[in-house]
C-alpha atoms as a PDB file:
ATOM      1  CA  UNK A   1     -14.000  19.604  20.794  1.00  0.00           C
ATOM      2  CA  UNK A   2     -10.996  22.034  20.291  1.00  0.00           C
ATOM      3  CA  UNK A   3      -9.386  23.175  17.227  1.00  0.00           C
ATOM      4  CA  UNK A   4      -5.985  22.298  18.475  1.00  0.00           C
ATOM      5  CA  UNK A   5      -4.437  19.067  16.997  1.00  0.00           C
ATOM      6  CA  UNK A   6      -4.031  16.110  19.390  1.00  0.00           C
ATOM      7  CA  UNK A   7      -0.505  16.355  20.431  1.00  0.00           C
ATOM      8  CA  UNK A   8       1.941  13.454  19.882  1.00  0.00           C
ATOM      9  CA  UNK A   9       4.938  15.298  21.171  1.00  0.00           C
ATOM     10  CA  UNK A  10       7.826  13.031  22.147  1.00  0.00           C
ATOM     11  CA  UNK A  11       9.015  13.674  25.841  1.00  0.00           C
ATOM     12  CA  UNK A  12      11.659  12.168  28.057  1.00  0.00           C
ATOM     13  CA  UNK A  13      13.168   9.849  25.428  1.00  0.00           C
ATOM     14  CA  UNK A  14       9.955   8.235  24.279  1.00  0.00           C
ATOM     15  CA  UNK A  15      10.256   6.502  20.919  1.00  0.00           C
ATOM     16  CA  UNK A  16       8.164   6.697  17.729  1.00  0.00           C
ATOM     17  CA  UNK A  17       6.609   3.346  18.747  1.00  0.00           C
ATOM     18  CA  UNK A  18       5.278   5.000  21.914  1.00  0.00           C
ATOM     19  CA  UNK A  19       3.833   7.987  19.924  1.00  0.00           C
ATOM     20  CA  UNK A  20       2.411   5.616  17.405  1.00  0.00           C
ATOM     21  CA  UNK A  21       0.895   3.483  20.121  1.00  0.00           C
ATOM     22  CA  UNK A  22      -0.596   6.580  21.758  1.00  0.00           C
ATOM     23  CA  UNK A  23      -2.118   7.679  18.510  1.00  0.00           C
ATOM     24  CA  UNK A  24      -3.628   4.281  17.961  1.00  0.00           C
ATOM     25  CA  UNK A  25      -5.252   4.237  21.325  1.00  0.00           C
ATOM     26  CA  UNK A  26      -6.567   7.741  21.401  1.00  0.00           C
ATOM     27  CA  UNK A  27      -8.519   7.462  18.088  1.00  0.00           C
ATOM     28  CA  UNK A  28     -12.289   7.322  18.173  1.00  0.00           C
ATOM     29  CA  UNK A  29     -12.840   4.458  15.789  1.00  0.00           C
ATOM     30  CA  UNK A  30     -16.532   5.222  15.531  1.00  0.00           C
ATOM     31  CA  UNK A  31     -16.062   8.538  13.659  1.00  0.00           C
ATOM     32  CA  UNK A  32     -17.914   8.250  10.452  1.00  0.00           C
ATOM     33  CA  UNK A  33     -14.906   9.478   8.330  1.00  0.00           C
ATOM     34  CA  UNK A  34     -12.689   6.784   9.758  1.00  0.00           C
ATOM     35  CA  UNK A  35     -15.303   4.028   9.231  1.00  0.00           C
ATOM     36  CA  UNK A  36     -15.670   5.223   5.604  1.00  0.00           C
ATOM     37  CA  UNK A  37     -11.930   5.329   5.218  1.00  0.00           C
ATOM     38  CA  UNK A  38     -11.418   1.846   6.615  1.00  0.00           C
ATOM     39  CA  UNK A  39     -14.091   0.284   4.293  1.00  0.00           C
ATOM     40  CA  UNK A  40     -12.573   2.176   1.348  1.00  0.00           C
ATOM     41  CA  UNK A  41      -9.211   0.837   2.237  1.00  0.00           C
ATOM     42  CA  UNK A  42     -10.407  -2.601   2.632  1.00  0.00           C
ATOM     43  CA  UNK A  43     -12.142  -2.521  -0.699  1.00  0.00           C
ATOM     44  CA  UNK A  44      -8.998  -0.978  -2.296  1.00  0.00           C
ATOM     45  CA  UNK A  45      -6.966  -3.984  -0.744  1.00  0.00           C
ATOM     46  CA  UNK A  46      -9.525  -6.589  -1.886  1.00  0.00           C
ATOM     47  CA  UNK A  47      -9.586  -5.095  -5.386  1.00  0.00           C
ATOM     48  CA  UNK A  48      -5.709  -5.286  -5.545  1.00  0.00           C
ATOM     49  CA  UNK A  49      -5.727  -8.850  -4.573  1.00  0.00           C
ATOM     50  CA  UNK A  50      -8.489  -9.804  -6.968  1.00  0.00           C
ATOM     51  CA  UNK A  51      -6.838  -8.208 -10.053  1.00  0.00           C
ATOM     52  CA  UNK A  52      -3.373  -9.580  -9.421  1.00  0.00           C
ATOM     53  CA  UNK A  53      -3.344 -11.386 -12.732  1.00  0.00           C
ATOM     54  CA  UNK A  54      -4.026  -8.261 -14.729  1.00  0.00           C
ATOM     55  CA  UNK A  55      -0.822  -6.302 -15.083  1.00  0.00           C
ATOM     56  CA  UNK A  56      -2.552  -3.216 -16.411  1.00  0.00           C
ATOM     57  CA  UNK A  57      -4.976  -2.870 -13.588  1.00  0.00           C
ATOM     58  CA  UNK A  58      -2.298  -3.789 -10.986  1.00  0.00           C
ATOM     59  CA  UNK A  59      -0.121  -1.008 -12.459  1.00  0.00           C
ATOM     60  CA  UNK A  60      -2.908   1.470 -11.965  1.00  0.00           C
ATOM     61  CA  UNK A  61      -3.536   0.402  -8.412  1.00  0.00           C
ATOM     62  CA  UNK A  62       0.248   0.602  -7.892  1.00  0.00           C
ATOM     63  CA  UNK A  63       0.473   4.179  -9.055  1.00  0.00           C
ATOM     64  CA  UNK A  64      -2.576   5.260  -6.966  1.00  0.00           C
ATOM     65  CA  UNK A  65      -0.901   3.717  -3.893  1.00  0.00           C
ATOM     66  CA  UNK A  66       2.291   5.469  -4.559  1.00  0.00           C
ATOM     67  CA  UNK A  67       0.499   8.781  -5.195  1.00  0.00           C
ATOM     68  CA  UNK A  68      -1.345   8.492  -1.858  1.00  0.00           C
ATOM     69  CA  UNK A  69       2.078   7.981  -0.113  1.00  0.00           C
ATOM     70  CA  UNK A  70       3.689  10.918  -1.962  1.00  0.00           C
ATOM     71  CA  UNK A  71       0.802  13.386  -1.027  1.00  0.00           C
ATOM     72  CA  UNK A  72       0.672  12.323   2.652  1.00  0.00           C
ATOM     73  CA  UNK A  73       1.886  15.666   3.935  1.00  0.00           C
ATOM     74  CA  UNK A  74      -0.479  17.621   1.749  1.00  0.00           C
ATOM     75  CA  UNK A  75      -3.413  15.429   2.952  1.00  0.00           C
ATOM     76  CA  UNK A  76      -2.357  15.972   6.517  1.00  0.00           C
ATOM     77  CA  UNK A  77      -2.164  19.749   6.076  1.00  0.00           C
ATOM     78  CA  UNK A  78      -5.561  19.767   4.471  1.00  0.00           C
ATOM     79  CA  UNK A  79      -7.299  17.675   7.182  1.00  0.00           C
ATOM     80  CA  UNK A  80      -5.548  19.708   9.905  1.00  0.00           C
ATOM     81  CA  UNK A  81      -7.386  22.873   8.474  1.00  0.00           C
ATOM     82  CA  UNK A  82     -10.705  21.268   7.637  1.00  0.00           C
ATOM     83  CA  UNK A  83     -11.149  18.465  10.088  1.00  0.00           C
ATOM     84  CA  UNK A  84     -14.510  19.864  11.387  1.00  0.00           C
ATOM     85  CA  UNK A  85     -16.032  19.749   7.869  1.00  0.00           C
ATOM     86  CA  UNK A  86     -15.528  15.982   7.769  1.00  0.00           C
ATOM     87  CA  UNK A  87     -17.247  15.371  11.163  1.00  0.00           C
ATOM     88  CA  UNK A  88     -14.113  14.189  12.953  1.00  0.00           C
ATOM     89  CA  UNK A  89     -14.571  14.196  16.669  1.00  0.00           C
ATOM     90  CA  UNK A  90     -11.013  15.583  17.305  1.00  0.00           C
ATOM     91  CA  UNK A  91      -8.239  16.994  15.165  1.00  0.00           C
ATOM     92  CA  UNK A  92      -5.982  14.044  14.797  1.00  0.00           C
ATOM     93  CA  UNK A  93      -3.737  15.592  12.148  1.00  0.00           C
ATOM     94  CA  UNK A  94      -0.773  16.660  14.042  1.00  0.00           C
ATOM     95  CA  UNK A  95       2.295  18.491  12.586  1.00  0.00           C
ATOM     96  CA  UNK A  96       4.496  15.403  13.102  1.00  0.00           C
ATOM     97  CA  UNK A  97       2.196  13.268  10.816  1.00  0.00           C
ATOM     98  CA  UNK A  98       2.103  10.318  13.223  1.00  0.00           C
ATOM     99  CA  UNK A  99      -1.674   9.632  12.841  1.00  0.00           C
ATOM    100  CA  UNK A 100      -1.580  10.068   9.083  1.00  0.00           C
ATOM    101  CA  UNK A 101       1.546   7.892   8.789  1.00  0.00           C
ATOM    102  CA  UNK A 102      -0.169   4.955  10.728  1.00  0.00           C
ATOM    103  CA  UNK A 103      -3.483   5.206   9.120  1.00  0.00           C
ATOM    104  CA  UNK A 104      -2.640   6.443   5.561  1.00  0.00           C
ATOM    105  CA  UNK A 105       0.932   5.950   4.636  1.00  0.00           C
ATOM    106  CA  UNK A 106       1.502   2.525   6.110  1.00  0.00           C
ATOM    107  CA  UNK A 107      -1.407   0.645   4.397  1.00  0.00           C
ATOM    108  CA  UNK A 108      -0.591   2.206   1.037  1.00  0.00           C
ATOM    109  CA  UNK A 109       3.124   1.461   1.349  1.00  0.00           C
ATOM    110  CA  UNK A 110       2.209  -2.232   2.268  1.00  0.00           C
ATOM    111  CA  UNK A 111      -0.076  -2.457  -0.870  1.00  0.00           C
ATOM    112  CA  UNK A 112       2.575  -0.971  -3.175  1.00  0.00           C
ATOM    113  CA  UNK A 113       5.265  -3.237  -1.603  1.00  0.00           C
ATOM    114  CA  UNK A 114       3.224  -6.125  -2.103  1.00  0.00           C
ATOM    115  CA  UNK A 115       2.542  -5.229  -5.731  1.00  0.00           C
ATOM    116  CA  UNK A 116       6.292  -4.780  -6.255  1.00  0.00           C
ATOM    117  CA  UNK A 117       7.042  -8.149  -4.874  1.00  0.00           C
ATOM    118  CA  UNK A 118       4.337  -9.627  -7.087  1.00  0.00           C
ATOM    119  CA  UNK A 119       5.843  -7.965 -10.202  1.00  0.00           C
ATOM    120  CA  UNK A 120       9.295  -9.415  -9.088  1.00  0.00           C
ATOM    121  CA  UNK A 121       7.974 -12.924  -8.673  1.00  0.00           C
ATOM    122  CA  UNK A 122       6.166 -12.870 -12.146  1.00  0.00           C
ATOM    123  CA  UNK A 123       9.438 -11.564 -13.674  1.00  0.00           C
ATOM    124  CA  UNK A 124      11.256 -14.508 -12.085  1.00  0.00           C
ATOM    125  CA  UNK A 125       8.700 -17.025 -13.338  1.00  0.00           C
ATOM    126  CA  UNK A 126       8.776 -15.740 -16.783  1.00  0.00           C
ATOM    127  CA  UNK A 127      12.694 -15.887 -16.848  1.00  0.00           C
ATOM    128  CA  UNK A 128      12.509 -19.475 -15.453  1.00  0.00           C
ATOM    129  CA  UNK A 129       9.913 -20.486 -18.180  1.00  0.00           C
ATOM    130  CA  UNK A 130      11.917 -18.775 -20.904  1.00  0.00           C
ATOM    131  CA  UNK A 131      15.098 -20.591 -19.889  1.00  0.00           C
ATOM    132  CA  UNK A 132      13.206 -23.982 -19.532  1.00  0.00           C
ATOM    133  CA  UNK A 133      11.983 -23.569 -23.050  1.00  0.00           C
ATOM    134  CA  UNK A 134      15.272 -22.270 -24.513  1.00  0.00           C
ATOM    135  CA  UNK A 135      16.979 -25.433 -23.232  1.00  0.00           C
ATOM    136  CA  UNK A 136      14.201 -27.916 -24.272  1.00  0.00           C
ATOM    137  CA  UNK A 137      13.406 -26.569 -27.812  1.00  0.00           C
ATOM    138  CA  UNK A 138      17.070 -27.023 -29.177  1.00  0.00           C
ATOM    139  CA  UNK A 139      16.922 -30.685 -28.160  1.00  0.00           C
ATOM    140  CA  UNK A 140      13.516 -31.092 -29.686  1.00  0.00           C
ATOM    141  CA  UNK A 141      14.675 -29.468 -32.935  1.00  0.00           C
ATOM    142  CA  UNK A 142      17.734 -31.743 -33.071  1.00  0.00           C
ATOM    143  CA  UNK A 143      15.696 -34.875 -32.567  1.00  0.00           C
ATOM    144  CA  UNK A 144      13.211 -33.792 -35.340  1.00  0.00           C
ATOM    145  CA  UNK A 145      16.071 -32.963 -37.771  1.00  0.00           C
ATOM    146  CA  UNK A 146      17.613 -36.452 -37.371  1.00  0.00           C
ATOM    147  CA  UNK A 147      16.618 -38.791 -40.231  1.00  0.00           C
ATOM    148  CA  UNK A 148      14.115 -41.417 -39.017  1.00  0.00           C
ATOM    149  CA  UNK A 149      15.117 -44.968 -39.291  1.00  0.00           C
ATOM    150  CA  UNK A 150      12.792 -47.238 -41.188  1.00  0.00           C
END
């Protein structure tokens, strides 16, 4: 167990995908902090799906997700210095942020993108309903205003 971060250096033309694959394969998934993180992330995703009809709660979850994405570099720097305190078996928090991108930024980006598309679809549905009723209501009013034949 060394204090040097696991290196994800790119050599000989290797791509980001190769570095990402290397970071996925070299992780010890039985580390207690990673298990806790995955459970918390799954719970966060589950809650975001369950409250999809509540705009207020979904907005809060959206801003939490965006905040997590914005503070990725700070989280990486903090865990790079304090990884032993959290019982990680290795220092996965490299300067290139490959590990933190895959396991932190990508899930929260997916959640916030899903919420954004959900908001967009809700907006489209409300516009469609508004247009439907704006075309139906005048015809109903015109029919009501006509005198009834006896």
